[in-house]
Amino acid sequence: MSIIIQKFGGTSVGTPELRSQVIERIKETLQEGCQPVVVVSAMGRKGDPYATDTLKALAEDIYPDVSLREVDLVMSCGEILSAVVLSSMLNAEGIKASALTGAQAGMVTDGNYANAQVVDCCPDHLCSFIDDKVVPVVAGFQGSTPEGEINTMGRGGSDTTAVILGAALDAERVDIFTDVSGVATADPRILEEARIIDRINYSEVSQLAYEGARVIHPTAIEVAMKNNVTLAVRNLTDSGPGTIISEESDICGKDYGVNPRQVVTGIAHISDLAQFMVDFAEPDAHLELELFEKLGEAGVSIDLIGVFPNLKVFSVKQDVIKRTERVLQNLSLDYRIQKDCAKVSVVGVGMRNIPGVMAQVVKALQQHSIEILQTGDSNITICILVREEDLGKAIRTLHEHFQPGKKEDSKV
């Protein structure tokens, strides 16, 4: 019997109505003759009574310096509550189910509280439930060390739990249920015309995730890629196939010389950035190294890095501007800041080794009077820094130019 991992996020299990939809999705898998293994997040988001951040605040509001060990203990409770509630609902429907903690499901962690890595997966205990035709409902986002210390896995931990179980159980696929119908060619909240991508490969969706798309966590994609686990991003409220994530892409094998617009699979963005331009009176390799080391020590993550003899350019999130300025001031460096920026990234395996894609990007933006503040690129990505006020127009312009996701016979 094929195993299907079904992961349901916090919004999917946040209300009784949505949890009823979850039960329907599990029933569908059983009706297809497959064995579901369910992974759940905590119910709801911050402010909801059982959400992870709400539970965390219970301890921190009493004693702000509560240890990370004890924070992990309380944060792990949200997913456990979800697992028990969902397994109870399944049993009430006549479907045998049992809730499991991450540790009971075999997730062995490295002891790093609040941001643990899974170092092994020993699913023997979980498999005993499968052998007995019981639906395991696993608490995501958590595991334990060999000594029994509870660890949580940081942002995206439930996605990662699902994919690790998919690899360990040799599942047919891992379904990630969300409130969207799949991976879109752009953020539908900004661009209503964004299309759902039928099939995308690991490299593309990973790059889209790192560049701001928030459908599935990059760590989960990396685990899937390493273990060749097929993923499907699906909508909880309908039975559509969603977006399939595997080694193959919708546009692989096409003649890009004939239709150069098909080089782009999707467009992602990151808002609330600031660009720093740091002036060096003269080239100074030691000071350059010290600059980047001090930024790292201050916990400042930098992006779109341009290094020239007398100028260093990079972007940061706007909430670390003051921290960045302190580093520069302590090094007596002159600098300029361009606030209220955003990064727009076009991603696609089709642009690999294809000349002229950057020229198309620049031309399309120039035709709509969108100033390019900085660029960066990798093998399958071109990143453009623009002013925040131009973000929506830049996404629309590039989407209209490259037409990602458009079918060859589509008139849209």
Protein backbone atom coordinates (compact mmCIF):
# COMPACT_ATOMS: atom_id res chain seq x y z
CA MET A 1 0.00 0.00 0.00
CA SER A 2 1.35 3.41 -1.00
CA ILE A 3 2.03 5.87 1.81
CA ILE A 4 0.98 9.50 1.39
CA ILE A 5 2.28 12.06 3.90
CA GLN A 6 -0.30 14.81 4.45
CA LYS A 7 0.91 17.96 6.21
CA PHE A 8 -1.61 20.49 7.48
CA GLY A 9 -0.40 23.91 8.64
CA GLY A 10 -1.63 26.11 11.46
CA THR A 11 -4.27 27.90 9.42
CA SER A 12 -5.58 24.56 8.11
CA VAL A 13 -6.32 23.28 11.62
CA GLY A 14 -7.25 26.63 13.18
CA THR A 15 -11.06 26.27 13.28
CA PRO A 16 -13.55 23.39 13.58
CA GLU A 17 -14.73 24.06 10.01
CA LEU A 18 -11.22 23.83 8.60
CA ARG A 19 -10.43 20.75 10.65
CA SER A 20 -13.49 19.13 9.08
CA GLN A 21 -11.94 19.87 5.67
CA VAL A 22 -8.74 18.19 6.90
CA ILE A 23 -10.73 15.06 7.76
CA GLU A 24 -12.18 15.05 4.21
CA ARG A 25 -8.70 15.21 2.67
CA ILE A 26 -7.59 12.27 4.84
CA LYS A 27 -10.72 10.30 3.88
CA GLU A 28 -9.95 10.88 0.20
CA THR A 29 -6.51 9.34 0.63
CA LEU A 30 -8.00 6.30 2.35
CA GLN A 31 -10.63 5.95 -0.40
CA GLU A 32 -7.82 5.93 -2.97
CA GLY A 33 -6.42 2.85 -1.23
CA CYS A 34 -3.42 4.68 0.20
CA GLN A 35 -2.14 4.90 3.77
CA PRO A 36 -2.10 8.46 5.11
CA VAL A 37 0.49 9.62 7.61
CA VAL A 38 -0.61 13.02 8.90
CA VAL A 39 1.69 15.80 10.14
CA VAL A 40 0.18 18.84 11.86
CA SER A 41 1.24 22.29 13.03
CA ALA A 42 -0.13 24.12 16.06
CA MET A 43 -3.67 25.45 15.71
CA GLY A 44 -3.87 29.00 14.40
CA ARG A 45 -1.47 31.92 14.62
CA LYS A 46 -0.24 34.30 17.31
CA GLY A 47 -3.13 35.37 19.52
CA ASP A 48 -5.05 32.14 19.02
CA PRO A 49 -5.16 30.19 22.33
CA TYR A 50 -3.09 27.17 21.21
CA ALA A 51 -0.75 28.81 18.69
CA THR A 52 2.98 28.32 19.25
CA ASP A 53 3.71 32.01 19.87
CA THR A 54 0.81 32.20 22.34
CA LEU A 55 2.13 29.23 24.31
CA LYS A 56 5.65 30.66 24.25
CA ALA A 57 4.36 33.92 25.71
CA LEU A 58 2.84 32.05 28.68
CA ALA A 59 6.33 31.42 30.00
CA GLU A 60 8.12 34.53 28.77
CA ASP A 61 5.51 36.94 30.13
CA ILE A 62 6.16 35.55 33.61
CA TYR A 63 9.95 35.34 33.33
CA PRO A 64 11.55 36.88 30.21
CA ASP A 65 14.81 34.99 30.74
CA VAL A 66 13.20 31.56 30.73
CA SER A 67 15.69 29.00 29.39
CA LEU A 68 15.54 27.85 25.77
CA ARG A 69 15.13 24.31 27.04
CA GLU A 70 11.89 25.20 28.79
CA VAL A 71 10.72 27.40 25.91
CA ASP A 72 11.07 24.36 23.65
CA LEU A 73 9.02 22.28 26.07
CA VAL A 74 6.11 24.71 26.01
CA MET A 75 6.36 25.39 22.25
CA SER A 76 6.16 21.67 21.46
CA CYS A 77 2.72 21.51 23.13
CA GLY A 78 0.88 23.31 20.31
CA GLU A 79 1.54 20.61 17.73
CA ILE A 80 0.76 17.86 20.25
CA LEU A 81 -2.62 19.45 20.97
CA SER A 82 -3.34 19.57 17.22
CA ALA A 83 -2.38 15.91 16.82
CA VAL A 84 -4.66 14.80 19.68
CA VAL A 85 -7.61 16.89 18.45
CA LEU A 86 -7.30 15.60 14.89
CA SER A 87 -6.83 11.97 15.88
CA SER A 88 -9.92 12.30 18.13
CA MET A 89 -11.93 13.64 15.19
CA LEU A 90 -10.80 10.74 12.99
CA ASN A 91 -11.75 8.19 15.65
CA ALA A 92 -15.14 9.87 16.00
CA GLU A 93 -15.60 9.30 12.25
CA GLY A 94 -14.81 5.59 12.66
CA ILE A 95 -11.26 5.93 11.33
CA LYS A 96 -8.65 4.41 13.63
CA ALA A 97 -6.03 7.05 14.43
CA SER A 98 -3.42 7.77 17.07
CA ALA A 99 -1.50 10.92 17.96
CA LEU A 100 2.29 10.81 18.18
CA THR A 101 4.83 13.35 19.33
CA GLY A 102 7.76 14.03 17.04
CA ALA A 103 9.97 11.90 19.27
CA GLN A 104 7.49 8.99 19.18
CA ALA A 105 7.49 9.25 15.38
CA GLY A 106 11.27 8.80 15.40
CA MET A 107 12.60 12.34 14.93
CA VAL A 108 16.07 12.43 16.52
CA THR A 109 17.46 15.96 16.95
CA ASP A 110 20.86 17.49 17.61
CA GLY A 111 20.08 19.23 20.91
CA ASN A 112 20.00 22.76 19.47
CA TYR A 113 17.04 24.31 21.26
CA ALA A 114 14.59 26.40 19.17
CA ASN A 115 16.38 25.65 15.89
CA ALA A 116 17.18 21.95 15.97
CA GLN A 117 18.29 19.83 13.05
CA VAL A 118 17.04 16.27 12.61
CA VAL A 119 20.08 14.00 12.58
CA ASP A 120 18.21 10.70 12.25
CA CYS A 121 14.72 9.34 11.73
CA CYS A 122 13.82 6.01 13.33
CA PRO A 123 10.18 5.39 12.34
CA ASP A 124 9.84 1.79 13.63
CA HIS A 125 7.29 2.75 16.28
CA LEU A 126 5.31 4.78 13.73
CA CYS A 127 5.38 1.85 11.30
CA SER A 128 3.72 -0.35 13.89
CA PHE A 129 0.63 1.87 13.66
CA ILE A 130 0.69 1.67 9.85
CA ASP A 131 0.92 -2.13 10.06
CA ASP A 132 -2.19 -2.09 12.27
CA LYS A 133 -4.09 0.11 9.74
CA VAL A 134 -4.09 3.04 12.13
CA VAL A 135 -3.63 6.60 10.82
CA PRO A 136 -0.67 8.17 12.65
CA VAL A 137 -1.15 11.88 13.39
CA VAL A 138 2.32 13.28 14.06
CA ALA A 139 3.13 16.53 15.84
CA GLY A 140 5.40 18.45 13.47
CA PHE A 141 8.14 20.95 14.29
CA GLN A 142 9.72 18.80 17.02
CA GLY A 143 11.82 15.84 18.01
CA SER A 144 14.12 14.80 20.83
CA THR A 145 17.77 14.08 21.43
CA PRO A 146 18.95 10.52 22.17
CA GLU A 147 18.85 11.58 25.84
CA GLY A 148 15.17 12.54 25.57
CA GLU A 149 15.51 16.33 25.53
CA ILE A 150 12.68 17.95 23.55
CA ASN A 151 13.79 20.23 20.68
CA THR A 152 11.77 22.37 18.28
CA MET A 153 12.95 22.87 14.71
CA GLY A 154 12.40 26.54 13.98
CA ARG A 155 10.37 28.14 11.21
CA GLY A 156 9.09 25.65 8.64
CA GLY A 157 9.69 22.75 11.02
CA SER A 158 6.42 20.98 10.26
CA ASP A 159 7.15 21.05 6.52
CA THR A 160 10.55 19.54 7.27
CA THR A 161 9.02 16.88 9.55
CA ALA A 162 6.68 15.82 6.74
CA VAL A 163 9.45 15.57 4.15
CA ILE A 164 11.79 13.65 6.47
CA LEU A 165 9.01 11.15 7.18
CA GLY A 166 8.34 10.95 3.45
CA ALA A 167 11.95 9.95 2.86
CA ALA A 168 12.11 7.54 5.81
CA LEU A 169 8.86 5.78 4.85
CA ASP A 170 9.55 5.81 1.08
CA ALA A 171 6.25 7.62 0.60
CA GLU A 172 4.69 8.05 -2.83
CA ARG A 173 4.59 11.79 -2.18
CA VAL A 174 4.24 14.46 0.48
CA ASP A 175 1.17 16.71 0.25
CA ILE A 176 1.64 20.17 1.79
CA PHE A 177 -1.83 21.67 2.32
CA THR A 178 -2.12 25.46 2.42
CA ASP A 179 -4.66 28.20 1.70
CA VAL A 180 -3.50 28.54 -1.93
CA SER A 181 -3.95 26.16 -4.85
CA GLY A 182 -0.24 25.63 -5.48
CA VAL A 183 2.96 27.49 -6.23
CA ALA A 184 2.07 30.63 -8.18
CA THR A 185 4.10 32.45 -10.82
CA ALA A 186 3.98 35.55 -8.57
CA ASP A 187 2.38 36.58 -5.29
CA PRO A 188 -1.40 36.55 -6.00
CA ARG A 189 -1.88 39.23 -3.35
CA ILE A 190 0.07 41.61 -5.56
CA LEU A 191 -0.73 40.19 -8.99
CA GLU A 192 -4.21 38.73 -9.48
CA GLU A 193 -3.17 37.36 -12.87
CA ALA A 194 -0.56 35.06 -11.32
CA ARG A 195 -0.92 31.49 -12.56
CA ILE A 196 -0.59 28.22 -10.68
CA ILE A 197 2.43 26.23 -11.86
CA ASP A 198 1.55 22.60 -12.64
CA ARG A 199 5.04 21.21 -12.12
CA ILE A 200 8.26 22.77 -10.88
CA ASN A 201 11.65 21.32 -10.02
CA TYR A 202 13.45 21.43 -6.69
CA SER A 203 16.00 24.05 -7.73
CA GLU A 204 13.37 26.49 -8.97
CA VAL A 205 11.02 26.23 -5.98
CA SER A 206 13.96 26.40 -3.57
CA GLN A 207 15.20 29.58 -5.22
CA LEU A 208 11.70 31.08 -5.21
CA ALA A 209 11.41 30.26 -1.51
CA TYR A 210 14.77 31.84 -0.65
CA GLU A 211 13.81 34.93 -2.65
CA GLY A 212 10.59 35.49 -0.75
CA ALA A 213 7.88 33.04 -1.94
CA ARG A 214 6.30 31.62 1.22
CA VAL A 215 4.55 28.44 0.09
CA ILE A 216 7.02 25.89 1.48
CA HIS A 217 10.12 26.27 3.63
CA PRO A 218 13.52 26.08 1.85
CA THR A 219 14.89 23.51 4.34
CA ALA A 220 12.06 21.12 3.52
CA ILE A 221 12.79 21.51 -0.18
CA GLU A 222 16.47 20.75 0.39
CA VAL A 223 15.57 17.54 2.25
CA ALA A 224 13.17 16.57 -0.55
CA MET A 225 15.82 17.23 -3.20
CA LYS A 226 18.47 15.21 -1.35
CA ASN A 227 16.12 12.23 -0.95
CA ASN A 228 14.18 12.61 -4.23
CA VAL A 229 10.86 12.98 -2.42
CA THR A 230 7.99 14.19 -4.61
CA LEU A 231 6.01 17.04 -3.07
CA ALA A 232 2.60 18.48 -3.89
CA VAL A 233 1.48 21.92 -2.71
CA ARG A 234 -2.31 21.75 -2.52
CA ASN A 235 -5.31 23.77 -1.39
CA LEU A 236 -7.12 22.43 1.66
CA THR A 237 -10.55 23.42 0.39
CA ASP A 238 -10.46 21.67 -2.98
CA SER A 239 -9.30 18.32 -4.33
CA GLY A 240 -7.11 19.69 -7.12
CA PRO A 241 -3.62 18.28 -7.70
CA GLY A 242 -1.88 21.58 -6.89
CA THR A 243 1.75 22.02 -7.88
CA ILE A 244 3.97 18.95 -8.15
CA ILE A 245 7.58 19.49 -7.04
CA SER A 246 10.09 16.94 -8.30
CA GLU A 247 13.21 16.72 -10.45
CA GLU A 248 11.23 17.84 -13.49
CA SER A 249 9.89 21.26 -14.45
CA ASP A 250 7.05 22.36 -16.72
CA ILE A 251 9.48 24.07 -19.07
CA CYS A 252 12.25 21.47 -19.21
CA GLY A 253 13.03 20.31 -22.72
CA LYS A 254 11.48 23.28 -24.56
CA ASP A 255 13.34 25.12 -27.29
CA TYR A 256 14.09 28.39 -25.54
CA GLY A 257 15.61 29.78 -28.72
CA VAL A 258 12.16 29.64 -30.31
CA ASN A 259 10.27 31.08 -27.35
CA PRO A 260 12.69 33.02 -25.15
CA ARG A 261 9.92 34.17 -22.81
CA GLN A 262 9.60 30.65 -21.38
CA VAL A 263 12.92 30.96 -19.58
CA VAL A 264 11.20 32.26 -16.43
CA THR A 265 9.20 29.96 -14.15
CA GLY A 266 8.19 32.43 -11.45
CA ILE A 267 8.78 35.81 -9.83
CA ALA A 268 9.42 36.29 -6.11
CA HIS A 269 9.99 39.37 -4.00
CA ILE A 270 11.24 40.58 -0.63
CA SER A 271 10.05 43.90 0.80
CA ASP A 272 11.30 46.25 3.52
CA LEU A 273 14.93 46.39 2.46
CA ALA A 274 17.53 49.12 2.73
CA GLN A 275 20.58 49.50 0.48
CA PHE A 276 23.91 50.49 2.04
CA MET A 277 26.68 52.03 -0.07
CA VAL A 278 29.93 52.05 1.90
CA ASP A 279 32.74 54.30 0.63
CA PHE A 280 36.39 53.34 1.04
CA ALA A 281 38.90 56.17 0.63
CA GLU A 282 41.28 53.63 -0.88
CA PRO A 283 41.29 49.87 -1.38
CA ASP A 284 41.84 48.15 1.98
CA ALA A 285 41.50 44.36 2.04
CA HIS A 286 41.91 44.17 5.83
CA LEU A 287 39.17 46.74 6.50
CA GLU A 288 36.91 45.08 3.92
CA LEU A 289 37.24 41.74 5.72
CA GLU A 290 36.70 43.39 9.10
CA LEU A 291 33.53 45.05 7.81
CA PHE A 292 31.91 41.78 6.79
CA GLU A 293 33.12 39.98 9.93
CA LYS A 294 31.67 42.65 12.21
CA LEU A 295 28.35 42.61 10.36
CA GLY A 296 28.20 38.85 10.86
CA GLU A 297 29.07 39.15 14.55
CA ALA A 298 26.27 41.71 14.92
CA GLY A 299 23.77 39.26 13.44
CA VAL A 300 23.23 41.33 10.30
CA SER A 301 22.38 39.22 7.26
CA ILE A 302 23.36 40.96 4.03
CA ASP A 303 22.18 40.37 0.48
CA LEU A 304 22.86 41.62 -3.05
CA ILE A 305 26.53 42.13 -2.21
CA GLY A 306 28.64 44.18 -4.60
CA VAL A 307 32.36 44.51 -3.82
CA PHE A 308 34.47 47.09 -5.66
CA PRO A 309 37.88 48.56 -4.72
CA ASN A 310 36.43 51.80 -3.31
CA LEU A 311 32.80 50.82 -2.78
CA LYS A 312 30.92 48.02 -1.01
CA VAL A 313 27.18 47.75 -1.65
CA PHE A 314 24.70 45.46 0.08
CA SER A 315 21.11 45.33 1.27
CA VAL A 316 19.67 44.47 4.69
CA LYS A 317 16.21 44.20 6.21
CA GLN A 318 15.07 47.58 7.44
CA ASP A 319 14.70 46.38 11.03
CA VAL A 320 18.51 46.04 11.32
CA ILE A 321 19.42 49.45 9.89
CA LYS A 322 20.52 50.84 13.26
CA ARG A 323 22.58 47.75 14.02
CA THR A 324 24.28 48.05 10.63
CA GLU A 325 24.97 51.74 11.15
CA ARG A 326 26.64 51.05 14.50
CA VAL A 327 29.06 48.63 12.83
CA LEU A 328 29.93 51.16 10.13
CA GLN A 329 30.33 54.00 12.60
CA ASN A 330 32.59 51.92 14.86
CA LEU A 331 34.81 51.30 11.82
CA SER A 332 34.74 55.03 10.92
CA LEU A 333 33.38 54.26 7.46
CA ASP A 334 31.40 56.71 5.33
CA TYR A 335 28.16 55.38 3.95
CA ARG A 336 24.87 56.25 2.28
CA ILE A 337 21.49 54.58 2.78
CA GLN A 338 18.64 54.09 0.35
CA LYS A 339 15.64 53.10 2.45
CA ASP A 340 12.29 51.61 1.36
CA CYS A 341 13.64 49.18 -1.22
CA ALA A 342 12.44 45.81 -2.45
CA LYS A 343 14.07 42.94 -4.30
CA VAL A 344 12.35 41.32 -7.26
CA SER A 345 13.73 38.00 -8.50
CA VAL A 346 12.96 36.18 -11.73
CA VAL A 347 13.66 32.46 -11.45
CA GLY A 348 13.79 29.67 -14.02
CA VAL A 349 15.97 26.77 -15.12
CA GLY A 350 15.32 27.91 -18.67
CA MET A 351 17.62 30.93 -18.29
CA ARG A 352 20.62 28.70 -17.61
CA ASN A 353 23.28 29.52 -20.22
CA ILE A 354 20.77 31.54 -22.26
CA PRO A 355 22.21 34.92 -23.30
CA GLY A 356 20.18 38.11 -23.28
CA VAL A 357 17.84 37.46 -20.34
CA MET A 358 19.29 40.31 -18.31
CA ALA A 359 18.87 42.61 -21.31
CA GLN A 360 15.18 41.67 -21.48
CA VAL A 361 14.74 42.41 -17.76
CA VAL A 362 16.45 45.80 -18.03
CA LYS A 363 14.58 46.78 -21.18
CA ALA A 364 11.17 45.81 -19.76
CA LEU A 365 11.74 47.83 -16.58
CA GLN A 366 13.17 50.84 -18.42
CA GLN A 367 10.15 50.95 -20.71
CA HIS A 368 7.99 51.45 -17.62
CA SER A 369 10.34 53.99 -16.00
CA ILE A 370 11.31 51.67 -13.15
CA GLU A 371 14.75 52.57 -11.85
CA ILE A 372 17.10 49.67 -11.15
CA LEU A 373 19.16 50.38 -8.02
CA GLN A 374 21.23 47.20 -8.12
CA THR A 375 21.30 43.75 -9.68
CA GLY A 376 22.55 40.31 -8.79
CA ASP A 377 22.33 36.91 -10.42
CA SER A 378 23.01 33.23 -10.03
CA ASN A 379 22.64 30.25 -12.33
CA ILE A 380 18.83 30.35 -12.52
CA THR A 381 17.99 33.71 -10.89
CA ILE A 382 18.23 37.39 -11.72
CA CYS A 383 17.61 39.76 -8.80
CA ILE A 384 16.71 43.42 -9.15
CA LEU A 385 16.64 46.00 -6.35
CA VAL A 386 13.98 48.67 -6.87
CA ARG A 387 12.21 51.25 -4.76
CA GLU A 388 9.38 49.82 -2.66
CA GLU A 389 6.90 52.12 -4.41
CA ASP A 390 7.81 50.44 -7.73
CA LEU A 391 7.47 46.87 -6.44
CA GLY A 392 3.98 46.10 -7.75
CA LYS A 393 4.69 47.70 -11.12
CA ALA A 394 7.99 45.81 -11.45
CA ILE A 395 6.35 42.44 -10.72
CA ARG A 396 3.54 43.13 -13.17
CA THR A 397 5.95 44.34 -15.87
CA LEU A 398 8.21 41.30 -15.65
CA HIS A 399 5.28 38.90 -15.42
CA GLU A 400 3.66 40.38 -18.53
CA HIS A 401 6.95 40.28 -20.41
CA PHE A 402 8.04 36.72 -19.61
CA GLN A 403 4.53 35.20 -19.24
CA PRO A 404 5.54 32.46 -16.76
CA GLY A 405 3.09 29.58 -16.54
CA LYS A 406 1.32 30.49 -19.77
CA LYS A 407 0.25 27.46 -21.77
CA GLU A 408 1.31 27.38 -25.41
CA ASP A 409 -2.32 27.32 -26.55
CA SER A 410 -3.54 29.79 -23.88
CA LYS A 411 -5.07 33.08 -25.00
CA VAL A 412 -4.75 34.58 -21.51
